[in-house]
């Protein structure tokens, strides 16, 4: 019998994470649940070095959420170009020789979720918000958007950050004031990266004809903005779409198994959300 392999998600707070539901559902779907386990641990930045140092050879990988995505970088042997592009790691892979590699699966996960909905290329896009998820959104847009991205932000400091990310990622970014955020709805693709409730005040400004909305919130769902989009019969993606696609990439990197698990993960996520 093969030794049991382990993976987990780390962050603080972490009790809300759906990742254990997704990964354990994938193990069960492929008959791997006797050999693999996936857990969650509440770990903050101060505790992270000690946690990593205490892991044994049974560990295959880790998923990371806030506040660890940047704090982990100095503790790794290498990071991928994708992770380096946004200075954020959400995936750590442990190799047989002891090396630890950091990756970012949010970016390809966002692209894959859009591709699943038939959005492969756009000539412009809008981003609502300017946090860590917004930089990942810009990195994803660098792969599918041929024209300008307008980022709607709350301060000049945030505006400068988004323009800086655009320069770094090769995306033409124009910033606009959050007070004018309803202007985003003219774009063929809108990516909302704000926390829940952050776009509720904009619902009345949603026009009759809209493009595709990617709202990274998944609980509660639908957001008021997503519901308005659905009322217009337009395509809508949720944070769960992003979560399952990035988790598939993590699963493949941890296990080396590329059999399909997307449907099992999505069903588990929907069940966990009720």
C-alpha atoms as a PDB file:
ATOM      1  CA  UNK A   1       0.000   0.000   0.000  1.00  0.00           C
ATOM      2  CA  UNK A   2       1.368   3.408  -0.973  1.00  0.00           C
ATOM      3  CA  UNK A   3       2.076   5.931   1.759  1.00  0.00           C
ATOM      4  CA  UNK A   4      -0.703   8.472   2.192  1.00  0.00           C
ATOM      5  CA  UNK A   5      -0.088  11.846   0.543  1.00  0.00           C
ATOM      6  CA  UNK A   6      -1.234  15.138   1.992  1.00  0.00           C
ATOM      7  CA  UNK A   7      -2.190  18.622   0.832  1.00  0.00           C
ATOM      8  CA  UNK A   8      -3.968  21.517   2.535  1.00  0.00           C
ATOM      9  CA  UNK A   9      -5.044  25.128   2.305  1.00  0.00           C
ATOM     10  CA  UNK A  10      -3.460  27.700   4.622  1.00  0.00           C
ATOM     11  CA  UNK A  11      -4.630  31.189   5.521  1.00  0.00           C
ATOM     12  CA  UNK A  12      -6.117  33.259   8.302  1.00  0.00           C
ATOM     13  CA  UNK A  13      -9.053  33.152   8.675  1.00  0.00           C
ATOM     14  CA  UNK A  14      -9.571  29.843   6.858  1.00  0.00           C
ATOM     15  CA  UNK A  15     -12.757  28.201   8.191  1.00  0.00           C
ATOM     16  CA  UNK A  16     -14.762  29.524   5.217  1.00  0.00           C
ATOM     17  CA  UNK A  17     -12.515  27.923   2.584  1.00  0.00           C
ATOM     18  CA  UNK A  18     -14.186  25.647   0.058  1.00  0.00           C
ATOM     19  CA  UNK A  19     -10.867  24.127  -1.043  1.00  0.00           C
ATOM     20  CA  UNK A  20     -11.123  20.969   1.116  1.00  0.00           C
ATOM     21  CA  UNK A  21     -14.548  20.236  -0.377  1.00  0.00           C
ATOM     22  CA  UNK A  22     -13.193  20.633  -3.922  1.00  0.00           C
ATOM     23  CA  UNK A  23      -9.986  18.643  -3.602  1.00  0.00           C
ATOM     24  CA  UNK A  24     -11.450  15.817  -1.522  1.00  0.00           C
ATOM     25  CA  UNK A  25     -14.298  15.519  -4.041  1.00  0.00           C
ATOM     26  CA  UNK A  26     -11.707  15.137  -6.802  1.00  0.00           C
ATOM     27  CA  UNK A  27      -9.905  12.408  -4.848  1.00  0.00           C
ATOM     28  CA  UNK A  28     -13.202  10.583  -4.303  1.00  0.00           C
ATOM     29  CA  UNK A  29     -14.248  10.893  -7.947  1.00  0.00           C
ATOM     30  CA  UNK A  30     -11.013   9.250  -9.097  1.00  0.00           C
ATOM     31  CA  UNK A  31     -10.865   6.624  -6.338  1.00  0.00           C
ATOM     32  CA  UNK A  32      -7.871   8.323  -4.714  1.00  0.00           C
ATOM     33  CA  UNK A  33      -9.519   9.164  -1.393  1.00  0.00           C
ATOM     34  CA  UNK A  34      -7.831   6.232   0.346  1.00  0.00           C
ATOM     35  CA  UNK A  35      -4.407   7.566  -0.560  1.00  0.00           C
ATOM     36  CA  UNK A  36      -4.867  11.362  -0.477  1.00  0.00           C
ATOM     37  CA  UNK A  37      -6.177  13.830   2.103  1.00  0.00           C
ATOM     38  CA  UNK A  38      -6.675  17.592   1.903  1.00  0.00           C
ATOM     39  CA  UNK A  39      -7.133  19.696   5.047  1.00  0.00           C
ATOM     40  CA  UNK A  40      -7.250  23.338   6.149  1.00  0.00           C
ATOM     41  CA  UNK A  41      -5.031  25.074   8.697  1.00  0.00           C
ATOM     42  CA  UNK A  42      -5.325  28.561  10.171  1.00  0.00           C
ATOM     43  CA  UNK A  43      -1.818  29.938   9.643  1.00  0.00           C
ATOM     44  CA  UNK A  44      -0.828  33.596   9.669  1.00  0.00           C
ATOM     45  CA  UNK A  45       2.341  35.248   8.349  1.00  0.00           C
ATOM     46  CA  UNK A  46       4.243  34.842  11.627  1.00  0.00           C
ATOM     47  CA  UNK A  47       3.480  31.112  11.848  1.00  0.00           C
ATOM     48  CA  UNK A  48       4.148  30.284   8.199  1.00  0.00           C
ATOM     49  CA  UNK A  49       7.943  29.615   8.363  1.00  0.00           C
ATOM     50  CA  UNK A  50       7.541  27.187  11.251  1.00  0.00           C
ATOM     51  CA  UNK A  51       4.609  25.426   9.610  1.00  0.00           C
ATOM     52  CA  UNK A  52       6.565  24.853   6.393  1.00  0.00           C
ATOM     53  CA  UNK A  53       9.632  23.658   8.291  1.00  0.00           C
ATOM     54  CA  UNK A  54       7.579  21.053  10.124  1.00  0.00           C
ATOM     55  CA  UNK A  55       6.127  19.315   7.065  1.00  0.00           C
ATOM     56  CA  UNK A  56       7.229  15.761   6.316  1.00  0.00           C
ATOM     57  CA  UNK A  57       7.801  13.883   3.050  1.00  0.00           C
ATOM     58  CA  UNK A  58       4.137  12.885   2.805  1.00  0.00           C
ATOM     59  CA  UNK A  59       3.258  16.446   1.830  1.00  0.00           C
ATOM     60  CA  UNK A  60       2.678  17.100  -1.872  1.00  0.00           C
ATOM     61  CA  UNK A  61       1.480  20.696  -1.897  1.00  0.00           C
ATOM     62  CA  UNK A  62      -0.307  23.632  -0.345  1.00  0.00           C
ATOM     63  CA  UNK A  63      -2.945  26.105  -1.435  1.00  0.00           C
ATOM     64  CA  UNK A  64      -2.510  29.589   0.008  1.00  0.00           C
ATOM     65  CA  UNK A  65      -4.990  32.358   0.608  1.00  0.00           C
ATOM     66  CA  UNK A  66      -4.655  35.720   2.335  1.00  0.00           C
ATOM     67  CA  UNK A  67      -2.482  36.881   4.004  1.00  0.00           C
ATOM     68  CA  UNK A  68       0.139  34.409   2.784  1.00  0.00           C
ATOM     69  CA  UNK A  69       0.354  34.889  -0.988  1.00  0.00           C
ATOM     70  CA  UNK A  70       3.310  37.269  -0.808  1.00  0.00           C
ATOM     71  CA  UNK A  71       4.689  36.272   2.601  1.00  0.00           C
ATOM     72  CA  UNK A  72       5.550  32.794   1.312  1.00  0.00           C
ATOM     73  CA  UNK A  73       7.787  33.931  -1.543  1.00  0.00           C
ATOM     74  CA  UNK A  74      11.044  34.330   0.461  1.00  0.00           C
ATOM     75  CA  UNK A  75      10.514  30.830   1.901  1.00  0.00           C
ATOM     76  CA  UNK A  76      10.501  29.091  -1.493  1.00  0.00           C
ATOM     77  CA  UNK A  77      13.299  27.834  -3.729  1.00  0.00           C
ATOM     78  CA  UNK A  78      11.697  29.204  -6.895  1.00  0.00           C
ATOM     79  CA  UNK A  79       8.500  30.674  -8.265  1.00  0.00           C
ATOM     80  CA  UNK A  80       7.028  30.422 -11.744  1.00  0.00           C
ATOM     81  CA  UNK A  81       6.932  33.305 -14.186  1.00  0.00           C
ATOM     82  CA  UNK A  82       3.159  33.462 -13.696  1.00  0.00           C
ATOM     83  CA  UNK A  83       3.516  33.949  -9.938  1.00  0.00           C
ATOM     84  CA  UNK A  84       6.352  36.426 -10.418  1.00  0.00           C
ATOM     85  CA  UNK A  85       4.246  38.513 -12.797  1.00  0.00           C
ATOM     86  CA  UNK A  86       1.891  39.498  -9.937  1.00  0.00           C
ATOM     87  CA  UNK A  87       4.212  38.824  -6.990  1.00  0.00           C
ATOM     88  CA  UNK A  88       1.669  36.401  -5.527  1.00  0.00           C
ATOM     89  CA  UNK A  89       1.785  32.643  -4.894  1.00  0.00           C
ATOM     90  CA  UNK A  90      -1.374  30.651  -4.211  1.00  0.00           C
ATOM     91  CA  UNK A  91       0.144  27.213  -4.847  1.00  0.00           C
ATOM     92  CA  UNK A  92       3.225  25.520  -3.371  1.00  0.00           C
ATOM     93  CA  UNK A  93       4.446  22.244  -4.843  1.00  0.00           C
ATOM     94  CA  UNK A  94       6.872  20.029  -2.903  1.00  0.00           C
ATOM     95  CA  UNK A  95       9.320  18.059  -5.050  1.00  0.00           C
ATOM     96  CA  UNK A  96      10.984  14.741  -4.263  1.00  0.00           C
ATOM     97  CA  UNK A  97      14.383  16.443  -4.000  1.00  0.00           C
ATOM     98  CA  UNK A  98      13.093  18.828  -1.322  1.00  0.00           C
ATOM     99  CA  UNK A  99      12.615  21.892  -3.519  1.00  0.00           C
ATOM    100  CA  UNK A 100       9.552  24.064  -2.995  1.00  0.00           C
ATOM    101  CA  UNK A 101       8.084  25.795  -6.059  1.00  0.00           C
ATOM    102  CA  UNK A 102       5.496  28.566  -5.920  1.00  0.00           C
ATOM    103  CA  UNK A 103       2.911  29.109  -8.642  1.00  0.00           C
ATOM    104  CA  UNK A 104      -0.201  31.193  -9.209  1.00  0.00           C
ATOM    105  CA  UNK A 105      -3.173  29.245 -10.582  1.00  0.00           C
ATOM    106  CA  UNK A 106      -5.633  32.140 -10.217  1.00  0.00           C
ATOM    107  CA  UNK A 107      -4.452  33.672 -13.490  1.00  0.00           C
ATOM    108  CA  UNK A 108      -4.817  30.608 -15.767  1.00  0.00           C
ATOM    109  CA  UNK A 109      -7.918  29.677 -13.753  1.00  0.00           C
ATOM    110  CA  UNK A 110      -9.561  32.974 -14.627  1.00  0.00           C
ATOM    111  CA  UNK A 111      -8.677  32.521 -18.301  1.00  0.00           C
ATOM    112  CA  UNK A 112      -9.945  28.928 -18.301  1.00  0.00           C
ATOM    113  CA  UNK A 113     -13.237  29.961 -16.700  1.00  0.00           C
ATOM    114  CA  UNK A 114     -13.758  32.597 -19.399  1.00  0.00           C
ATOM    115  CA  UNK A 115     -12.870  30.115 -22.133  1.00  0.00           C
ATOM    116  CA  UNK A 116     -15.461  27.699 -20.721  1.00  0.00           C
ATOM    117  CA  UNK A 117     -18.076  30.412 -21.289  1.00  0.00           C
ATOM    118  CA  UNK A 118     -16.843  31.053 -24.821  1.00  0.00           C
ATOM    119  CA  UNK A 119     -14.944  34.248 -24.008  1.00  0.00           C
ATOM    120  CA  UNK A 120     -11.582  33.727 -25.701  1.00  0.00           C
ATOM    121  CA  UNK A 121     -10.732  37.205 -26.999  1.00  0.00           C
ATOM    122  CA  UNK A 122     -12.056  40.698 -26.269  1.00  0.00           C
ATOM    123  CA  UNK A 123     -11.028  44.052 -27.687  1.00  0.00           C
ATOM    124  CA  UNK A 124     -11.516  45.905 -24.395  1.00  0.00           C
ATOM    125  CA  UNK A 125     -12.462  45.235 -20.780  1.00  0.00           C
ATOM    126  CA  UNK A 126     -13.214  46.932 -17.460  1.00  0.00           C
ATOM    127  CA  UNK A 127     -12.037  46.031 -13.963  1.00  0.00           C
ATOM    128  CA  UNK A 128     -13.897  47.128 -10.839  1.00  0.00           C
ATOM    129  CA  UNK A 129     -11.530  47.428  -7.879  1.00  0.00           C
ATOM    130  CA  UNK A 130      -7.780  47.503  -7.423  1.00  0.00           C
ATOM    131  CA  UNK A 131      -6.750  44.884  -4.865  1.00  0.00           C
ATOM    132  CA  UNK A 132      -4.756  41.672  -5.227  1.00  0.00           C
ATOM    133  CA  UNK A 133      -7.479  40.005  -7.301  1.00  0.00           C
ATOM    134  CA  UNK A 134      -7.474  42.977  -9.669  1.00  0.00           C
ATOM    135  CA  UNK A 135      -3.793  42.445 -10.475  1.00  0.00           C
ATOM    136  CA  UNK A 136      -4.547  38.792 -11.277  1.00  0.00           C
ATOM    137  CA  UNK A 137      -7.415  39.974 -13.468  1.00  0.00           C
ATOM    138  CA  UNK A 138      -5.028  42.232 -15.382  1.00  0.00           C
ATOM    139  CA  UNK A 139      -2.604  39.328 -15.814  1.00  0.00           C
ATOM    140  CA  UNK A 140      -5.430  37.210 -17.214  1.00  0.00           C
ATOM    141  CA  UNK A 141      -6.532  40.038 -19.494  1.00  0.00           C
ATOM    142  CA  UNK A 142      -2.991  40.279 -20.854  1.00  0.00           C
ATOM    143  CA  UNK A 143      -3.711  36.903 -22.452  1.00  0.00           C
ATOM    144  CA  UNK A 144      -7.124  37.638 -23.954  1.00  0.00           C
ATOM    145  CA  UNK A 145      -7.612  41.402 -24.335  1.00  0.00           C
ATOM    146  CA  UNK A 146      -6.206  43.124 -27.407  1.00  0.00           C
ATOM    147  CA  UNK A 147      -7.109  46.674 -26.411  1.00  0.00           C
ATOM    148  CA  UNK A 148      -7.568  48.974 -23.445  1.00  0.00           C
ATOM    149  CA  UNK A 149      -8.573  47.960 -19.927  1.00  0.00           C
ATOM    150  CA  UNK A 150     -10.287  50.610 -17.820  1.00  0.00           C
ATOM    151  CA  UNK A 151      -9.822  50.147 -14.067  1.00  0.00           C
ATOM    152  CA  UNK A 152     -12.277  51.910 -11.764  1.00  0.00           C
ATOM    153  CA  UNK A 153     -10.609  52.725  -8.439  1.00  0.00           C
ATOM    154  CA  UNK A 154     -11.211  54.719  -5.259  1.00  0.00           C
ATOM    155  CA  UNK A 155      -7.940  56.651  -4.908  1.00  0.00           C
ATOM    156  CA  UNK A 156      -5.011  57.985  -6.904  1.00  0.00           C
ATOM    157  CA  UNK A 157      -2.718  55.615  -5.006  1.00  0.00           C
ATOM    158  CA  UNK A 158      -4.754  52.666  -6.241  1.00  0.00           C
ATOM    159  CA  UNK A 159      -4.866  54.160  -9.717  1.00  0.00           C
ATOM    160  CA  UNK A 160      -1.086  54.415  -9.800  1.00  0.00           C
ATOM    161  CA  UNK A 161      -0.794  50.804  -8.641  1.00  0.00           C
ATOM    162  CA  UNK A 162      -3.088  49.578 -11.406  1.00  0.00           C
ATOM    163  CA  UNK A 163      -1.239  51.561 -14.066  1.00  0.00           C
ATOM    164  CA  UNK A 164       1.998  50.111 -12.718  1.00  0.00           C
ATOM    165  CA  UNK A 165       0.638  46.569 -12.974  1.00  0.00           C
ATOM    166  CA  UNK A 166      -0.494  47.331 -16.502  1.00  0.00           C
ATOM    167  CA  UNK A 167       2.990  48.478 -17.488  1.00  0.00           C
ATOM    168  CA  UNK A 168       4.512  45.401 -15.911  1.00  0.00           C
ATOM    169  CA  UNK A 169       2.027  42.971 -17.489  1.00  0.00           C
ATOM    170  CA  UNK A 170       1.909  44.578 -20.926  1.00  0.00           C
ATOM    171  CA  UNK A 171      -1.704  45.720 -20.607  1.00  0.00           C
ATOM    172  CA  UNK A 172      -2.914  49.172 -21.675  1.00  0.00           C
ATOM    173  CA  UNK A 173      -4.583  50.355 -18.473  1.00  0.00           C
ATOM    174  CA  UNK A 174      -6.550  53.570 -18.143  1.00  0.00           C
ATOM    175  CA  UNK A 175      -7.825  54.414 -14.678  1.00  0.00           C
ATOM    176  CA  UNK A 176     -11.098  56.123 -13.831  1.00  0.00           C
ATOM    177  CA  UNK A 177     -12.692  57.323 -10.612  1.00  0.00           C
ATOM    178  CA  UNK A 178     -14.916  54.920  -8.698  1.00  0.00           C
ATOM    179  CA  UNK A 179     -17.694  57.517  -8.857  1.00  0.00           C
ATOM    180  CA  UNK A 180     -17.876  56.792 -12.590  1.00  0.00           C
ATOM    181  CA  UNK A 181     -17.896  52.995 -12.203  1.00  0.00           C
ATOM    182  CA  UNK A 182     -21.177  52.606 -14.083  1.00  0.00           C
ATOM    183  CA  UNK A 183     -19.164  53.416 -17.203  1.00  0.00           C
ATOM    184  CA  UNK A 184     -17.651  49.937 -16.905  1.00  0.00           C
ATOM    185  CA  UNK A 185     -20.898  48.419 -18.124  1.00  0.00           C
ATOM    186  CA  UNK A 186     -20.243  49.514 -21.694  1.00  0.00           C
ATOM    187  CA  UNK A 187     -17.284  47.098 -21.940  1.00  0.00           C
ATOM    188  CA  UNK A 188     -17.720  43.665 -23.548  1.00  0.00           C
ATOM    189  CA  UNK A 189     -16.137  42.088 -20.446  1.00  0.00           C
ATOM    190  CA  UNK A 190     -16.473  43.397 -16.890  1.00  0.00           C
ATOM    191  CA  UNK A 191     -14.469  41.819 -14.060  1.00  0.00           C
ATOM    192  CA  UNK A 192     -15.658  42.840 -10.603  1.00  0.00           C
ATOM    193  CA  UNK A 193     -13.023  42.207  -7.933  1.00  0.00           C
ATOM    194  CA  UNK A 194     -14.754  44.005  -5.056  1.00  0.00           C
ATOM    195  CA  UNK A 195     -15.900  42.274  -1.821  1.00  0.00           C
ATOM    196  CA  UNK A 196     -19.542  41.335  -1.372  1.00  0.00           C
ATOM    197  CA  UNK A 197     -21.801  44.370  -1.435  1.00  0.00           C
ATOM    198  CA  UNK A 198     -19.164  46.499  -3.124  1.00  0.00           C
ATOM    199  CA  UNK A 199     -21.139  46.990  -6.337  1.00  0.00           C
ATOM    200  CA  UNK A 200     -24.707  46.933  -4.983  1.00  0.00           C
ATOM    201  CA  UNK A 201     -25.123  50.677  -5.509  1.00  0.00           C
ATOM    202  CA  UNK A 202     -24.420  50.282  -9.237  1.00  0.00           C
ATOM    203  CA  UNK A 203     -27.297  47.905  -9.991  1.00  0.00           C
ATOM    204  CA  UNK A 204     -29.656  50.652 -11.105  1.00  0.00           C
ATOM    205  CA  UNK A 205     -27.151  51.760 -13.750  1.00  0.00           C
ATOM    206  CA  UNK A 206     -26.902  48.395 -15.554  1.00  0.00           C
ATOM    207  CA  UNK A 207     -28.061  49.052 -19.148  1.00  0.00           C
ATOM    208  CA  UNK A 208     -30.425  46.867 -21.157  1.00  0.00           C
ATOM    209  CA  UNK A 209     -27.619  45.418 -23.274  1.00  0.00           C
ATOM    210  CA  UNK A 210     -24.437  44.217 -21.574  1.00  0.00           C
ATOM    211  CA  UNK A 211     -21.520  41.912 -22.330  1.00  0.00           C
ATOM    212  CA  UNK A 212     -20.048  39.298 -19.981  1.00  0.00           C
ATOM    213  CA  UNK A 213     -19.712  39.793 -16.216  1.00  0.00           C
ATOM    214  CA  UNK A 214     -17.139  37.949 -14.093  1.00  0.00           C
ATOM    215  CA  UNK A 215     -17.970  38.687 -10.446  1.00  0.00           C
ATOM    216  CA  UNK A 216     -15.356  37.069  -8.180  1.00  0.00           C
ATOM    217  CA  UNK A 217     -17.751  36.828  -5.218  1.00  0.00           C
ATOM    218  CA  UNK A 218     -19.284  33.373  -4.668  1.00  0.00           C
ATOM    219  CA  UNK A 219     -21.091  33.738  -1.338  1.00  0.00           C
ATOM    220  CA  UNK A 220     -23.756  35.048  -1.278  1.00  0.00           C
ATOM    221  CA  UNK A 221     -24.665  34.285  -4.880  1.00  0.00           C
ATOM    222  CA  UNK A 222     -25.889  35.808  -7.012  1.00  0.00           C
ATOM    223  CA  UNK A 223     -24.688  39.253  -6.035  1.00  0.00           C
ATOM    224  CA  UNK A 224     -27.133  42.033  -6.821  1.00  0.00           C
ATOM    225  CA  UNK A 225     -24.961  42.985  -9.798  1.00  0.00           C
ATOM    226  CA  UNK A 226     -24.895  39.400 -11.075  1.00  0.00           C
ATOM    227  CA  UNK A 227     -28.674  39.124 -10.666  1.00  0.00           C
ATOM    228  CA  UNK A 228     -29.159  42.291 -12.731  1.00  0.00           C
ATOM    229  CA  UNK A 229     -26.898  40.815 -15.417  1.00  0.00           C
ATOM    230  CA  UNK A 230     -28.851  37.555 -15.410  1.00  0.00           C
ATOM    231  CA  UNK A 231     -32.119  39.528 -15.755  1.00  0.00           C
ATOM    232  CA  UNK A 232     -30.747  40.853 -19.055  1.00  0.00           C
ATOM    233  CA  UNK A 233     -29.960  37.347 -20.266  1.00  0.00           C
ATOM    234  CA  UNK A 234     -26.231  38.061 -20.413  1.00  0.00           C
ATOM    235  CA  UNK A 235     -23.366  35.681 -19.518  1.00  0.00           C
ATOM    236  CA  UNK A 236     -22.292  35.716 -15.855  1.00  0.00           C
ATOM    237  CA  UNK A 237     -19.401  33.950 -14.141  1.00  0.00           C
ATOM    238  CA  UNK A 238     -18.951  33.704 -10.379  1.00  0.00           C
ATOM    239  CA  UNK A 239     -16.099  33.347  -7.958  1.00  0.00           C
ATOM    240  CA  UNK A 240     -16.890  29.636  -7.822  1.00  0.00           C
ATOM    241  CA  UNK A 241     -16.011  29.349 -11.522  1.00  0.00           C
ATOM    242  CA  UNK A 242     -12.618  30.864 -10.738  1.00  0.00           C
ATOM    243  CA  UNK A 243     -12.192  28.725  -7.628  1.00  0.00           C
ATOM    244  CA  UNK A 244     -12.834  25.410  -9.353  1.00  0.00           C
ATOM    245  CA  UNK A 245     -10.665  26.148 -12.381  1.00  0.00           C
ATOM    246  CA  UNK A 246      -7.689  27.255 -10.297  1.00  0.00           C
ATOM    247  CA  UNK A 247      -8.210  24.218  -8.031  1.00  0.00           C
ATOM    248  CA  UNK A 248      -8.059  21.839 -11.002  1.00  0.00           C
ATOM    249  CA  UNK A 249      -4.592  23.170 -11.821  1.00  0.00           C
ATOM    250  CA  UNK A 250      -3.513  22.744  -8.197  1.00  0.00           C
ATOM    251  CA  UNK A 251      -4.859  19.189  -8.119  1.00  0.00           C
ATOM    252  CA  UNK A 252      -2.894  18.303 -11.253  1.00  0.00           C
ATOM    253  CA  UNK A 253       0.321  19.810  -9.893  1.00  0.00           C
ATOM    254  CA  UNK A 254      -0.018  18.082  -6.509  1.00  0.00           C
ATOM    255  CA  UNK A 255      -0.980  14.640  -7.796  1.00  0.00           C
ATOM    256  CA  UNK A 256       0.418  14.493 -11.331  1.00  0.00           C
ATOM    257  CA  UNK A 257      -3.024  13.206 -12.400  1.00  0.00           C
ATOM    258  CA  UNK A 258      -4.669  15.001 -15.331  1.00  0.00           C
ATOM    259  CA  UNK A 259      -7.949  13.081 -15.466  1.00  0.00           C
ATOM    260  CA  UNK A 260     -11.038  15.340 -15.517  1.00  0.00           C
ATOM    261  CA  UNK A 261     -12.165  16.554 -12.074  1.00  0.00           C
ATOM    262  CA  UNK A 262     -13.807  19.894 -12.891  1.00  0.00           C
ATOM    263  CA  UNK A 263     -17.378  18.595 -12.720  1.00  0.00           C
ATOM    264  CA  UNK A 264     -16.786  16.834  -9.385  1.00  0.00           C
ATOM    265  CA  UNK A 265     -15.206  19.947  -7.905  1.00  0.00           C
ATOM    266  CA  UNK A 266     -17.990  22.218  -9.108  1.00  0.00           C
ATOM    267  CA  UNK A 267     -20.693  19.918  -7.733  1.00  0.00           C
ATOM    268  CA  UNK A 268     -18.905  19.801  -4.372  1.00  0.00           C
ATOM    269  CA  UNK A 269     -18.594  23.581  -4.287  1.00  0.00           C
ATOM    270  CA  UNK A 270     -22.281  24.084  -5.067  1.00  0.00           C
ATOM    271  CA  UNK A 271     -23.248  21.559  -2.410  1.00  0.00           C
ATOM    272  CA  UNK A 272     -21.049  23.229   0.206  1.00  0.00           C
ATOM    273  CA  UNK A 273     -22.595  26.606  -0.601  1.00  0.00           C
ATOM    274  CA  UNK A 274     -26.074  25.139  -0.176  1.00  0.00           C
END
